[in-house]
């Protein structure tokens, strides 16, 4: 059985969706959720789901503590789900092609530092884009520049607010992220 560890900094809706998707799976299980935010909603979700949850400081993410934890858990795949910290280069090298992220836009557009959550959706609306979507990609040393695994788009109506765009994109995230993870696991 493959072991998945989810890294999240916020409410944890994608983390919860992934945990539930693999609850009855013979292929994989989410064995831990790690956050850098002691007030993150994902901690409550982890408790309710019966998944081990750990809070690490930002310095522990950078000093090798996170990598040691992942290795101790014998993690096969690291899944970022709204994790708002850059992954250290050493960790990326140790888990090459085994760390993935979901971005709420069609990369390479709207990627990079500061482009997450509502900021992405606000930019899409301000630019009057007709489509948005999701990108699932491998994590590399640069924000949102890793090799693209999967993209799916959604139409944006001219009267959509950024909240409307966020809703449409989140629906894509929930629908596709777990199945893309499932698709990748046999080759890890």
C-alpha atoms as a PDB file:
ATOM      1  CA  UNK A   1       0.000   0.000   0.000  1.00  0.00           C
ATOM      2  CA  UNK A   2       1.344   3.405  -1.036  1.00  0.00           C
ATOM      3  CA  UNK A   3       1.602   6.091   1.638  1.00  0.00           C
ATOM      4  CA  UNK A   4       0.523   9.642   0.895  1.00  0.00           C
ATOM      5  CA  UNK A   5       1.371  12.660   3.039  1.00  0.00           C
ATOM      6  CA  UNK A   6      -0.596  15.849   2.436  1.00  0.00           C
ATOM      7  CA  UNK A   7       0.922  19.268   3.155  1.00  0.00           C
ATOM      8  CA  UNK A   8      -1.633  22.037   3.708  1.00  0.00           C
ATOM      9  CA  UNK A   9      -1.666  25.509   5.270  1.00  0.00           C
ATOM     10  CA  UNK A  10      -5.352  26.440   5.252  1.00  0.00           C
ATOM     11  CA  UNK A  11      -8.856  25.090   5.679  1.00  0.00           C
ATOM     12  CA  UNK A  12      -8.019  21.680   4.271  1.00  0.00           C
ATOM     13  CA  UNK A  13     -10.929  21.072   1.917  1.00  0.00           C
ATOM     14  CA  UNK A  14      -8.701  19.484  -0.729  1.00  0.00           C
ATOM     15  CA  UNK A  15      -6.867  17.488   1.943  1.00  0.00           C
ATOM     16  CA  UNK A  16     -10.187  16.176   3.264  1.00  0.00           C
ATOM     17  CA  UNK A  17     -11.312  15.287  -0.246  1.00  0.00           C
ATOM     18  CA  UNK A  18      -8.107  13.318  -0.858  1.00  0.00           C
ATOM     19  CA  UNK A  19      -8.312  11.494   2.488  1.00  0.00           C
ATOM     20  CA  UNK A  20     -11.915  10.477   1.817  1.00  0.00           C
ATOM     21  CA  UNK A  21     -11.118   9.385  -1.748  1.00  0.00           C
ATOM     22  CA  UNK A  22      -8.490   6.919  -0.506  1.00  0.00           C
ATOM     23  CA  UNK A  23     -10.275   5.741   2.685  1.00  0.00           C
ATOM     24  CA  UNK A  24     -11.384   2.450   1.141  1.00  0.00           C
ATOM     25  CA  UNK A  25      -8.568   2.139  -1.384  1.00  0.00           C
ATOM     26  CA  UNK A  26      -6.327  -0.915  -1.637  1.00  0.00           C
ATOM     27  CA  UNK A  27      -3.780   1.198  -3.535  1.00  0.00           C
ATOM     28  CA  UNK A  28      -2.982   4.017  -1.120  1.00  0.00           C
ATOM     29  CA  UNK A  29      -3.825   5.791   2.105  1.00  0.00           C
ATOM     30  CA  UNK A  30      -3.178   9.261   3.485  1.00  0.00           C
ATOM     31  CA  UNK A  31      -1.006   8.500   6.505  1.00  0.00           C
ATOM     32  CA  UNK A  32      -0.401  12.066   7.699  1.00  0.00           C
ATOM     33  CA  UNK A  33      -1.231  15.699   7.178  1.00  0.00           C
ATOM     34  CA  UNK A  34       1.474  18.251   7.891  1.00  0.00           C
ATOM     35  CA  UNK A  35       0.927  21.982   8.211  1.00  0.00           C
ATOM     36  CA  UNK A  36       3.038  25.038   8.919  1.00  0.00           C
ATOM     37  CA  UNK A  37       0.046  26.887  10.386  1.00  0.00           C
ATOM     38  CA  UNK A  38      -0.955  26.011  13.969  1.00  0.00           C
ATOM     39  CA  UNK A  39      -4.364  27.660  13.368  1.00  0.00           C
ATOM     40  CA  UNK A  40      -5.091  25.875  10.083  1.00  0.00           C
ATOM     41  CA  UNK A  41      -8.544  24.371   9.687  1.00  0.00           C
ATOM     42  CA  UNK A  42      -6.907  21.289   8.208  1.00  0.00           C
ATOM     43  CA  UNK A  43      -5.926  20.251  11.761  1.00  0.00           C
ATOM     44  CA  UNK A  44      -9.584  19.916  12.791  1.00  0.00           C
ATOM     45  CA  UNK A  45     -10.364  18.013   9.600  1.00  0.00           C
ATOM     46  CA  UNK A  46      -7.449  15.627  10.218  1.00  0.00           C
ATOM     47  CA  UNK A  47      -8.682  14.918  13.767  1.00  0.00           C
ATOM     48  CA  UNK A  48     -12.209  14.220  12.540  1.00  0.00           C
ATOM     49  CA  UNK A  49     -10.859  11.959   9.802  1.00  0.00           C
ATOM     50  CA  UNK A  50      -8.546  10.081  12.180  1.00  0.00           C
ATOM     51  CA  UNK A  51      -5.418  11.093  10.277  1.00  0.00           C
ATOM     52  CA  UNK A  52      -2.191  11.923  12.079  1.00  0.00           C
ATOM     53  CA  UNK A  53      -1.592  15.691  11.981  1.00  0.00           C
ATOM     54  CA  UNK A  54       1.647  17.533  12.662  1.00  0.00           C
ATOM     55  CA  UNK A  55       2.506  21.207  12.864  1.00  0.00           C
ATOM     56  CA  UNK A  56       6.033  22.129  11.795  1.00  0.00           C
ATOM     57  CA  UNK A  57       7.500  25.596  11.971  1.00  0.00           C
ATOM     58  CA  UNK A  58       8.789  27.199   8.799  1.00  0.00           C
ATOM     59  CA  UNK A  59      12.349  26.670  10.033  1.00  0.00           C
ATOM     60  CA  UNK A  60      11.614  22.955  10.563  1.00  0.00           C
ATOM     61  CA  UNK A  61      10.443  22.750   6.965  1.00  0.00           C
ATOM     62  CA  UNK A  62      13.749  24.202   5.818  1.00  0.00           C
ATOM     63  CA  UNK A  63      16.163  22.509   8.261  1.00  0.00           C
ATOM     64  CA  UNK A  64      15.457  18.912   7.239  1.00  0.00           C
ATOM     65  CA  UNK A  65      12.879  18.095   9.926  1.00  0.00           C
ATOM     66  CA  UNK A  66      10.120  17.810   7.322  1.00  0.00           C
ATOM     67  CA  UNK A  67      12.256  15.544   5.160  1.00  0.00           C
ATOM     68  CA  UNK A  68      13.073  13.342   8.156  1.00  0.00           C
ATOM     69  CA  UNK A  69       9.391  13.077   9.047  1.00  0.00           C
ATOM     70  CA  UNK A  70       8.478  12.072   5.471  1.00  0.00           C
ATOM     71  CA  UNK A  71      11.252   9.473   5.423  1.00  0.00           C
ATOM     72  CA  UNK A  72      10.194   8.079   8.823  1.00  0.00           C
ATOM     73  CA  UNK A  73       6.649   7.722   7.524  1.00  0.00           C
ATOM     74  CA  UNK A  74       8.039   5.912   4.441  1.00  0.00           C
ATOM     75  CA  UNK A  75       6.079   8.360   2.333  1.00  0.00           C
ATOM     76  CA  UNK A  76       5.670   7.431  -1.327  1.00  0.00           C
ATOM     77  CA  UNK A  77       3.995  10.646  -2.521  1.00  0.00           C
ATOM     78  CA  UNK A  78       3.877  14.157  -1.080  1.00  0.00           C
ATOM     79  CA  UNK A  79       0.730  16.030  -2.085  1.00  0.00           C
ATOM     80  CA  UNK A  80       0.544  19.790  -1.665  1.00  0.00           C
ATOM     81  CA  UNK A  81      -2.988  21.041  -1.075  1.00  0.00           C
ATOM     82  CA  UNK A  82      -2.838  24.747  -0.392  1.00  0.00           C
ATOM     83  CA  UNK A  83       0.594  24.598   1.226  1.00  0.00           C
ATOM     84  CA  UNK A  84       1.963  28.126   1.322  1.00  0.00           C
ATOM     85  CA  UNK A  85       5.678  27.480   1.748  1.00  0.00           C
ATOM     86  CA  UNK A  86       8.388  26.869  -0.794  1.00  0.00           C
ATOM     87  CA  UNK A  87       9.660  23.295  -0.678  1.00  0.00           C
ATOM     88  CA  UNK A  88      13.419  23.103   0.060  1.00  0.00           C
ATOM     89  CA  UNK A  89      15.638  21.995  -2.821  1.00  0.00           C
ATOM     90  CA  UNK A  90      17.059  19.108  -0.759  1.00  0.00           C
ATOM     91  CA  UNK A  91      13.572  17.709  -0.225  1.00  0.00           C
ATOM     92  CA  UNK A  92      12.732  18.055  -3.912  1.00  0.00           C
ATOM     93  CA  UNK A  93      15.885  16.119  -4.787  1.00  0.00           C
ATOM     94  CA  UNK A  94      15.188  13.416  -2.187  1.00  0.00           C
ATOM     95  CA  UNK A  95      11.609  12.994  -3.449  1.00  0.00           C
ATOM     96  CA  UNK A  96      12.197  13.628  -7.143  1.00  0.00           C
ATOM     97  CA  UNK A  97       8.950  13.302  -9.129  1.00  0.00           C
ATOM     98  CA  UNK A  98       7.195  12.366  -5.884  1.00  0.00           C
ATOM     99  CA  UNK A  99       5.981  15.830  -4.816  1.00  0.00           C
ATOM    100  CA  UNK A 100       2.970  17.257  -6.619  1.00  0.00           C
ATOM    101  CA  UNK A 101       0.953  20.438  -6.336  1.00  0.00           C
ATOM    102  CA  UNK A 102      -2.355  21.740  -7.592  1.00  0.00           C
ATOM    103  CA  UNK A 103      -2.548  25.326  -8.801  1.00  0.00           C
ATOM    104  CA  UNK A 104      -5.872  27.148  -9.296  1.00  0.00           C
ATOM    105  CA  UNK A 105      -5.072  28.422 -12.796  1.00  0.00           C
ATOM    106  CA  UNK A 106      -3.850  27.217 -16.149  1.00  0.00           C
ATOM    107  CA  UNK A 107      -0.093  27.510 -15.755  1.00  0.00           C
ATOM    108  CA  UNK A 108       2.099  29.146 -16.869  1.00  0.00           C
ATOM    109  CA  UNK A 109      -0.455  31.953 -16.456  1.00  0.00           C
ATOM    110  CA  UNK A 110      -1.001  33.297 -12.947  1.00  0.00           C
ATOM    111  CA  UNK A 111       1.835  31.375 -11.315  1.00  0.00           C
ATOM    112  CA  UNK A 112       4.699  32.424  -9.092  1.00  0.00           C
ATOM    113  CA  UNK A 113       5.151  34.019  -5.671  1.00  0.00           C
ATOM    114  CA  UNK A 114       1.973  35.558  -4.281  1.00  0.00           C
ATOM    115  CA  UNK A 115      -0.275  33.888  -6.840  1.00  0.00           C
ATOM    116  CA  UNK A 116      -2.502  31.627  -4.804  1.00  0.00           C
ATOM    117  CA  UNK A 117      -6.156  31.387  -3.826  1.00  0.00           C
ATOM    118  CA  UNK A 118      -8.239  34.502  -4.285  1.00  0.00           C
ATOM    119  CA  UNK A 119      -5.322  36.449  -5.767  1.00  0.00           C
ATOM    120  CA  UNK A 120      -5.299  34.147  -8.775  1.00  0.00           C
ATOM    121  CA  UNK A 121      -9.059  34.370  -9.244  1.00  0.00           C
ATOM    122  CA  UNK A 122      -9.059  38.155  -8.842  1.00  0.00           C
ATOM    123  CA  UNK A 123      -6.386  38.435 -11.550  1.00  0.00           C
ATOM    124  CA  UNK A 124      -8.394  36.197 -13.889  1.00  0.00           C
ATOM    125  CA  UNK A 125     -11.474  38.404 -13.461  1.00  0.00           C
ATOM    126  CA  UNK A 126      -9.512  41.659 -13.755  1.00  0.00           C
ATOM    127  CA  UNK A 127      -7.983  40.457 -17.029  1.00  0.00           C
ATOM    128  CA  UNK A 128     -11.425  39.421 -18.304  1.00  0.00           C
ATOM    129  CA  UNK A 129     -10.203  35.933 -19.158  1.00  0.00           C
ATOM    130  CA  UNK A 130     -12.732  33.630 -20.771  1.00  0.00           C
ATOM    131  CA  UNK A 131     -11.275  30.459 -19.243  1.00  0.00           C
ATOM    132  CA  UNK A 132      -9.508  29.410 -16.092  1.00  0.00           C
ATOM    133  CA  UNK A 133      -8.873  26.015 -14.580  1.00  0.00           C
ATOM    134  CA  UNK A 134      -6.454  23.868 -12.655  1.00  0.00           C
ATOM    135  CA  UNK A 135      -2.938  22.638 -13.182  1.00  0.00           C
ATOM    136  CA  UNK A 136      -1.486  19.639 -11.381  1.00  0.00           C
ATOM    137  CA  UNK A 137       2.295  19.626 -11.634  1.00  0.00           C
ATOM    138  CA  UNK A 138       5.458  18.197 -10.151  1.00  0.00           C
ATOM    139  CA  UNK A 139       7.155  20.514  -7.673  1.00  0.00           C
ATOM    140  CA  UNK A 140      10.572  21.831  -8.596  1.00  0.00           C
ATOM    141  CA  UNK A 141      12.805  24.578  -7.159  1.00  0.00           C
ATOM    142  CA  UNK A 142      10.702  27.390  -8.662  1.00  0.00           C
ATOM    143  CA  UNK A 143       7.138  28.343  -7.786  1.00  0.00           C
ATOM    144  CA  UNK A 144       4.646  26.788 -10.194  1.00  0.00           C
ATOM    145  CA  UNK A 145       7.214  25.871 -12.858  1.00  0.00           C
ATOM    146  CA  UNK A 146       7.417  22.102 -12.441  1.00  0.00           C
ATOM    147  CA  UNK A 147       6.471  19.708 -15.217  1.00  0.00           C
ATOM    148  CA  UNK A 148       2.743  19.761 -15.870  1.00  0.00           C
ATOM    149  CA  UNK A 149       0.929  16.469 -15.243  1.00  0.00           C
ATOM    150  CA  UNK A 150      -2.677  17.499 -15.896  1.00  0.00           C
ATOM    151  CA  UNK A 151      -4.761  20.553 -16.762  1.00  0.00           C
ATOM    152  CA  UNK A 152      -8.497  21.080 -16.984  1.00  0.00           C
ATOM    153  CA  UNK A 153     -10.242  24.271 -17.932  1.00  0.00           C
ATOM    154  CA  UNK A 154     -13.551  25.891 -17.099  1.00  0.00           C
ATOM    155  CA  UNK A 155     -15.370  28.704 -18.881  1.00  0.00           C
ATOM    156  CA  UNK A 156     -15.639  32.069 -17.184  1.00  0.00           C
ATOM    157  CA  UNK A 157     -18.712  34.206 -17.811  1.00  0.00           C
ATOM    158  CA  UNK A 158     -18.198  37.961 -18.163  1.00  0.00           C
ATOM    159  CA  UNK A 159     -20.395  38.613 -15.126  1.00  0.00           C
ATOM    160  CA  UNK A 160     -18.524  36.129 -12.857  1.00  0.00           C
ATOM    161  CA  UNK A 161     -17.008  37.536  -9.687  1.00  0.00           C
ATOM    162  CA  UNK A 162     -13.715  36.191  -8.403  1.00  0.00           C
ATOM    163  CA  UNK A 163     -15.771  34.145  -5.921  1.00  0.00           C
ATOM    164  CA  UNK A 164     -17.671  32.571  -8.820  1.00  0.00           C
ATOM    165  CA  UNK A 165     -14.386  31.693 -10.501  1.00  0.00           C
ATOM    166  CA  UNK A 166     -13.066  30.264  -7.244  1.00  0.00           C
ATOM    167  CA  UNK A 167     -16.143  28.048  -6.939  1.00  0.00           C
ATOM    168  CA  UNK A 168     -15.817  26.744 -10.496  1.00  0.00           C
ATOM    169  CA  UNK A 169     -12.101  26.052 -10.082  1.00  0.00           C
ATOM    170  CA  UNK A 170     -12.576  24.373  -6.706  1.00  0.00           C
ATOM    171  CA  UNK A 171     -15.101  21.998  -8.260  1.00  0.00           C
ATOM    172  CA  UNK A 172     -12.409  20.992 -10.781  1.00  0.00           C
ATOM    173  CA  UNK A 173      -9.929  20.479  -7.943  1.00  0.00           C
ATOM    174  CA  UNK A 174     -12.276  18.186  -6.052  1.00  0.00           C
ATOM    175  CA  UNK A 175     -13.148  16.213  -9.177  1.00  0.00           C
ATOM    176  CA  UNK A 176      -9.661  15.711 -10.590  1.00  0.00           C
ATOM    177  CA  UNK A 177      -6.930  15.911  -7.927  1.00  0.00           C
ATOM    178  CA  UNK A 178      -7.634  12.543  -6.238  1.00  0.00           C
ATOM    179  CA  UNK A 179      -7.951  10.688  -9.538  1.00  0.00           C
ATOM    180  CA  UNK A 180      -4.702  12.163 -10.880  1.00  0.00           C
ATOM    181  CA  UNK A 181      -2.991  11.082  -7.648  1.00  0.00           C
ATOM    182  CA  UNK A 182      -4.434   7.593  -8.114  1.00  0.00           C
ATOM    183  CA  UNK A 183      -3.176   7.544 -11.709  1.00  0.00           C
ATOM    184  CA  UNK A 184       0.374   8.457 -10.648  1.00  0.00           C
ATOM    185  CA  UNK A 185       0.726   6.054  -7.717  1.00  0.00           C
ATOM    186  CA  UNK A 186       1.403   2.765  -9.551  1.00  0.00           C
ATOM    187  CA  UNK A 187       4.486   4.294 -11.196  1.00  0.00           C
ATOM    188  CA  UNK A 188       6.010   5.625  -7.986  1.00  0.00           C
END
